[in-house]
N, C-alpha and C. Protein backbone atom coordinates (compact mmCIF):
# COMPACT_ATOMS: atom_id res chain seq x y z
N UNK A 1 -3.49 19.10 -15.57
CA UNK A 1 -5.00 20.09 -15.74
C UNK A 1 -5.06 20.04 -14.34
N UNK A 2 -5.23 19.75 -13.63
CA UNK A 2 -6.07 18.99 -12.09
C UNK A 2 -6.64 18.66 -12.26
N UNK A 3 -7.13 17.38 -13.38
CA UNK A 3 -8.02 16.42 -13.30
C UNK A 3 -7.75 15.07 -13.20
N UNK A 4 -8.21 14.42 -11.48
CA UNK A 4 -7.95 12.94 -11.79
C UNK A 4 -8.17 12.06 -12.66
N UNK A 5 -7.06 11.36 -12.97
CA UNK A 5 -7.50 10.39 -14.15
C UNK A 5 -7.23 8.58 -13.65
N UNK A 6 -7.08 8.58 -12.35
CA UNK A 6 -7.07 7.78 -11.91
C UNK A 6 -5.85 7.79 -10.36
N UNK A 7 -6.06 6.23 -9.69
CA UNK A 7 -5.83 6.34 -8.44
C UNK A 7 -4.79 4.76 -8.19
N UNK A 8 -3.62 5.00 -7.13
CA UNK A 8 -2.61 4.09 -6.78
C UNK A 8 -3.29 3.86 -5.28
N UNK A 9 -3.31 2.78 -4.73
CA UNK A 9 -3.19 2.20 -3.02
C UNK A 9 -2.36 1.22 -2.96
N UNK A 10 -1.32 1.49 -1.67
CA UNK A 10 -0.58 0.37 -1.54
C UNK A 10 -0.75 0.07 -0.08
N UNK A 11 -0.53 -1.23 0.29
CA UNK A 11 -0.35 -1.67 1.74
C UNK A 11 0.87 -1.57 1.64
N UNK A 12 1.54 -1.70 3.21
CA UNK A 12 2.81 -2.36 3.59
C UNK A 12 2.70 -3.39 4.54
N UNK A 13 3.22 -4.18 4.31
CA UNK A 13 3.15 -5.94 4.89
C UNK A 13 4.24 -6.62 5.11
N UNK A 14 4.46 -6.66 6.39
CA UNK A 14 5.74 -8.08 6.70
C UNK A 14 6.95 -7.51 5.49
N UNK A 15 7.58 -6.45 5.30
CA UNK A 15 8.34 -6.16 3.90
C UNK A 15 8.00 -6.02 3.20
N UNK A 16 7.13 -5.78 2.87
CA UNK A 16 6.77 -5.94 1.34
C UNK A 16 5.38 -5.24 1.24
N UNK A 17 5.34 -4.09 0.13
CA UNK A 17 3.96 -3.73 -0.23
C UNK A 17 3.08 -4.16 -0.89
N UNK A 18 1.82 -4.44 -0.89
CA UNK A 18 0.71 -4.69 -1.84
C UNK A 18 -0.13 -3.84 -2.73
N UNK A 19 0.02 -4.02 -3.57
CA UNK A 19 -0.46 -3.13 -4.71
C UNK A 19 -2.73 -3.33 -4.57
N UNK A 20 -3.37 -2.38 -3.79
CA UNK A 20 -4.33 -3.18 -3.40
C UNK A 20 -5.23 -2.80 -4.37
N UNK A 21 -5.34 -1.27 -4.86
CA UNK A 21 -6.27 -1.07 -5.96
C UNK A 21 -5.30 -0.12 -6.59
N UNK A 22 -5.49 0.15 -7.74
CA UNK A 22 -5.12 0.58 -8.68
C UNK A 22 -6.59 0.90 -10.08
N UNK A 23 -6.88 2.36 -10.69
CA UNK A 23 -7.64 2.27 -11.87
C UNK A 23 -7.72 3.31 -12.64
N UNK A 24 -7.75 3.29 -14.06
CA UNK A 24 -7.65 4.68 -14.48
C UNK A 24 -8.82 5.05 -15.17
N UNK A 25 -9.32 6.46 -15.49
CA UNK A 25 -10.65 6.39 -15.67
C UNK A 25 -10.67 6.37 -17.31
N UNK A 26 -11.79 5.43 -17.41
CA UNK A 26 -12.19 4.53 -19.00
C UNK A 26 -11.63 5.01 -20.15
N UNK A 27 -11.99 6.50 -19.97
CA UNK A 27 -11.67 7.51 -21.26
C UNK A 27 -9.83 7.22 -21.74
N UNK A 28 -9.46 7.43 -20.67
CA UNK A 28 -7.78 8.07 -20.04
C UNK A 28 -6.97 6.54 -20.33
N UNK A 29 -7.26 5.63 -20.49
CA UNK A 29 -7.02 4.23 -20.94
C UNK A 29 -6.35 3.80 -22.48
N UNK A 30 -4.67 4.12 -22.13
CA UNK A 30 -3.44 3.69 -23.49
C UNK A 30 -3.37 4.88 -23.53
N UNK A 31 -3.03 6.06 -22.21
CA UNK A 31 -2.35 6.89 -22.66
C UNK A 31 -1.20 6.86 -21.68
N UNK A 32 -0.81 6.14 -21.04
CA UNK A 32 0.24 5.98 -20.09
C UNK A 32 0.03 6.23 -18.72
N UNK A 33 -0.90 6.86 -18.36
CA UNK A 33 -1.61 6.51 -17.23
C UNK A 33 -0.89 6.08 -15.94
N UNK A 34 -1.31 4.49 -16.24
CA UNK A 34 -1.46 2.79 -15.77
C UNK A 34 0.05 2.94 -15.56
N UNK A 35 0.57 2.73 -16.31
CA UNK A 35 2.22 2.79 -16.25
C UNK A 35 3.05 3.55 -15.15
N UNK A 36 2.83 4.97 -15.28
CA UNK A 36 2.60 5.96 -14.78
C UNK A 36 2.58 5.59 -13.35
N UNK A 37 1.36 5.09 -12.96
CA UNK A 37 1.28 4.89 -11.42
C UNK A 37 1.91 3.54 -11.00
N UNK A 38 1.72 3.01 -11.79
CA UNK A 38 2.57 1.61 -11.57
C UNK A 38 4.20 1.91 -11.26
N UNK A 39 4.84 2.36 -11.70
CA UNK A 39 6.34 3.19 -11.22
C UNK A 39 6.34 4.28 -10.09
N UNK A 40 5.23 5.06 -10.09
CA UNK A 40 5.19 5.29 -8.57
C UNK A 40 4.89 4.78 -7.44
N UNK A 41 3.91 3.58 -7.66
CA UNK A 41 3.62 2.81 -6.61
C UNK A 41 5.28 2.07 -6.47
N UNK A 42 5.95 1.78 -7.20
CA UNK A 42 6.99 0.95 -7.23
C UNK A 42 7.73 1.50 -6.53
N UNK A 43 8.52 2.80 -6.48
CA UNK A 43 9.13 3.92 -6.63
C UNK A 43 9.18 4.48 -4.78
N UNK A 44 7.76 4.09 -4.62
CA UNK A 44 7.26 4.77 -3.10
C UNK A 44 7.45 3.31 -2.57
N UNK A 45 7.56 2.58 -2.60
CA UNK A 45 7.51 1.28 -2.20
C UNK A 45 9.07 0.92 -1.78
N UNK A 46 9.87 0.99 -2.67
CA UNK A 46 10.78 0.70 -2.57
C UNK A 46 12.14 1.84 -1.88
N UNK A 47 11.15 3.01 -1.71
CA UNK A 47 11.73 4.07 -0.72
C UNK A 47 11.74 3.80 0.46
N UNK A 48 10.61 2.81 0.64
CA UNK A 48 9.61 2.66 1.94
C UNK A 48 10.63 1.17 2.40
N UNK A 49 11.86 0.71 1.21
CA UNK A 49 12.33 -1.04 2.22
C UNK A 49 11.83 -1.54 1.80
N UNK A 50 10.57 -1.96 0.69
CA UNK A 50 10.07 -3.22 0.01
C UNK A 50 11.20 -3.79 -0.81
N UNK A 51 10.98 -5.12 -0.64
CA UNK A 51 11.66 -6.28 -1.04
C UNK A 51 10.93 -6.32 -2.77
N UNK A 52 9.67 -6.08 -2.06
CA UNK A 52 9.15 -7.04 -3.52
C UNK A 52 7.28 -6.21 -3.69
N UNK A 53 6.71 -6.43 -4.81
CA UNK A 53 4.98 -4.94 -4.43
C UNK A 53 4.37 -6.95 -5.21
N UNK A 54 3.40 -6.46 -3.92
CA UNK A 54 2.45 -7.85 -4.73
C UNK A 54 1.36 -7.34 -5.16
N UNK A 55 0.48 -8.20 -6.03
CA UNK A 55 -1.14 -7.84 -6.20
C UNK A 55 -1.79 -9.16 -6.56
N UNK A 56 -3.01 -9.43 -6.57
CA UNK A 56 -4.26 -10.09 -6.69
C UNK A 56 -5.13 -9.78 -7.65
N UNK A 57 -5.01 -10.18 -8.65
CA UNK A 57 -6.11 -10.25 -9.72
C UNK A 57 -6.85 -10.95 -10.13
N UNK A 58 -7.51 -10.74 -11.12
CA UNK A 58 -8.71 -11.37 -12.31
C UNK A 58 -7.88 -11.38 -13.26
N UNK A 59 -8.21 -12.35 -14.04
CA UNK A 59 -7.38 -13.27 -14.97
C UNK A 59 -8.43 -12.88 -16.38
N UNK A 60 -9.46 -12.36 -15.83
CA UNK A 60 -10.45 -11.67 -16.64
C UNK A 60 -10.59 -10.24 -17.55
N UNK A 61 -9.71 -9.61 -16.31
CA UNK A 61 -9.18 -8.09 -16.34
C UNK A 61 -8.04 -8.60 -17.04
N UNK A 62 -8.03 -8.76 -18.54
CA UNK A 62 -6.73 -9.02 -19.63
C UNK A 62 -5.94 -7.76 -19.65
N UNK A 63 -6.56 -6.83 -19.57
CA UNK A 63 -5.59 -5.53 -20.06
C UNK A 63 -4.67 -5.54 -18.91
N UNK A 64 -5.76 -5.08 -17.94
CA UNK A 64 -4.51 -5.41 -16.90
C UNK A 64 -3.66 -6.53 -16.15
N UNK A 65 -3.90 -7.40 -16.32
CA UNK A 65 -2.82 -8.62 -16.12
C UNK A 65 -1.73 -8.26 -17.26
N UNK A 66 -2.00 -8.11 -18.82
CA UNK A 66 -1.00 -7.92 -19.47
C UNK A 66 -0.17 -6.74 -18.85
N UNK A 67 -0.95 -5.63 -18.42
CA UNK A 67 0.15 -4.45 -18.25
C UNK A 67 0.81 -4.82 -17.59
N UNK A 68 0.41 -5.86 -16.13
CA UNK A 68 1.38 -5.97 -14.76
C UNK A 68 2.49 -6.88 -15.65
N UNK A 69 2.13 -7.59 -16.48
CA UNK A 69 3.62 -8.59 -17.31
C UNK A 69 4.58 -7.78 -17.67
N UNK A 70 3.79 -6.78 -18.68
CA UNK A 70 5.00 -6.07 -19.18
C UNK A 70 5.35 -5.33 -18.46
N UNK A 71 5.48 -4.50 -17.14
CA UNK A 71 5.92 -3.82 -16.59
C UNK A 71 6.43 -4.58 -15.16
N UNK A 72 6.88 -5.99 -15.83
CA UNK A 72 7.98 -7.07 -14.64
C UNK A 72 7.19 -7.61 -13.64
N UNK A 73 6.05 -7.69 -14.11
CA UNK A 73 5.68 -8.69 -12.57
C UNK A 73 5.35 -10.34 -12.96
N UNK A 74 5.55 -11.02 -12.61
CA UNK A 74 5.15 -12.71 -12.55
C UNK A 74 4.67 -13.56 -11.87
N UNK A 75 3.84 -13.48 -12.29
CA UNK A 75 2.97 -14.98 -11.74
C UNK A 75 3.61 -15.60 -10.52
N UNK A 76 2.81 -15.75 -9.36
CA UNK A 76 3.06 -16.42 -7.93
C UNK A 76 1.69 -17.97 -7.71
N UNK A 77 2.22 -18.81 -7.62
CA UNK A 77 0.76 -19.75 -7.10
C UNK A 77 0.20 -18.77 -6.06
N UNK A 78 -0.96 -18.71 -6.63
CA UNK A 78 -2.17 -18.71 -5.55
C UNK A 78 -2.53 -19.58 -4.21
N UNK A 79 -1.62 -19.41 -3.57
CA UNK A 79 -1.55 -20.50 -2.32
C UNK A 79 -2.89 -20.04 -1.33
N UNK A 80 -3.03 -18.80 -1.25
CA UNK A 80 -3.96 -17.92 -0.02
C UNK A 80 -5.21 -17.33 -0.66
N UNK A 81 -6.19 -17.72 0.00
CA UNK A 81 -7.50 -16.88 -1.11
C UNK A 81 -7.81 -15.71 -0.15
N UNK A 82 -6.72 -15.21 -0.19
CA UNK A 82 -7.19 -13.73 0.42
C UNK A 82 -8.49 -13.25 -0.08
N UNK A 83 -8.95 -13.09 -1.48
CA UNK A 83 -10.11 -12.07 -1.81
C UNK A 83 -10.46 -13.14 -2.67
N UNK A 84 -12.06 -13.46 -2.56
CA UNK A 84 -13.01 -14.29 -2.85
C UNK A 84 -12.43 -14.12 -4.50
N UNK A 85 -12.34 -12.74 -5.32
CA UNK A 85 -13.11 -12.77 -6.14
C UNK A 85 -11.68 -12.39 -7.91
N UNK A 86 -10.60 -13.10 -6.77
CA UNK A 86 -9.20 -12.87 -7.49
C UNK A 86 -8.53 -14.55 -7.61
N UNK A 87 -8.08 -14.68 -8.99
CA UNK A 87 -7.45 -16.50 -9.84
C UNK A 87 -6.14 -15.82 -9.83
N UNK A 88 -5.73 -14.93 -9.38
CA UNK A 88 -3.86 -14.59 -9.77
C UNK A 88 -3.49 -13.58 -9.24
N UNK A 89 -2.02 -14.30 -8.26
CA UNK A 89 -1.53 -13.43 -7.68
C UNK A 89 -0.11 -13.22 -8.65
N UNK A 90 0.71 -11.81 -8.45
CA UNK A 90 1.31 -11.55 -9.19
C UNK A 90 2.66 -10.52 -8.03
N UNK A 91 4.02 -10.80 -8.56
CA UNK A 91 4.76 -9.35 -7.78
C UNK A 91 6.03 -9.23 -8.92
N UNK A 92 6.39 -7.78 -8.18
CA UNK A 92 7.54 -7.52 -8.75
C UNK A 92 8.57 -7.24 -7.94
N UNK A 93 9.93 -7.73 -8.12
CA UNK A 93 11.08 -7.81 -7.24
C UNK A 93 11.51 -6.80 -7.27
N UNK A 94 11.60 -5.64 -6.73
CA UNK A 94 12.07 -4.31 -6.17
C UNK A 94 13.81 -4.66 -6.13
N UNK A 95 14.82 -4.04 -7.25
CA UNK A 95 16.20 -4.16 -7.31
C UNK A 95 16.21 -2.85 -6.78
């Protein structure tokens, strides 16, 4: 219907892509838009030659973190303090 319900942003970085932003309008939660955004982001990253998609988040954003796990992301050690508010680093290896 031409209404924006969400957005996703990727940043290319040394053969990988970082999912830097992803948001879905709150009234639209639970309708599959987050899954669609993740799939489009991963498809684009794969098409551009990425080996994996990385993301940094906050454990307090439990619904988002659960969704990342559900759609193939795994937790990595948070060895770099890239973003001060983030306390979890995740990756999805692209096949």
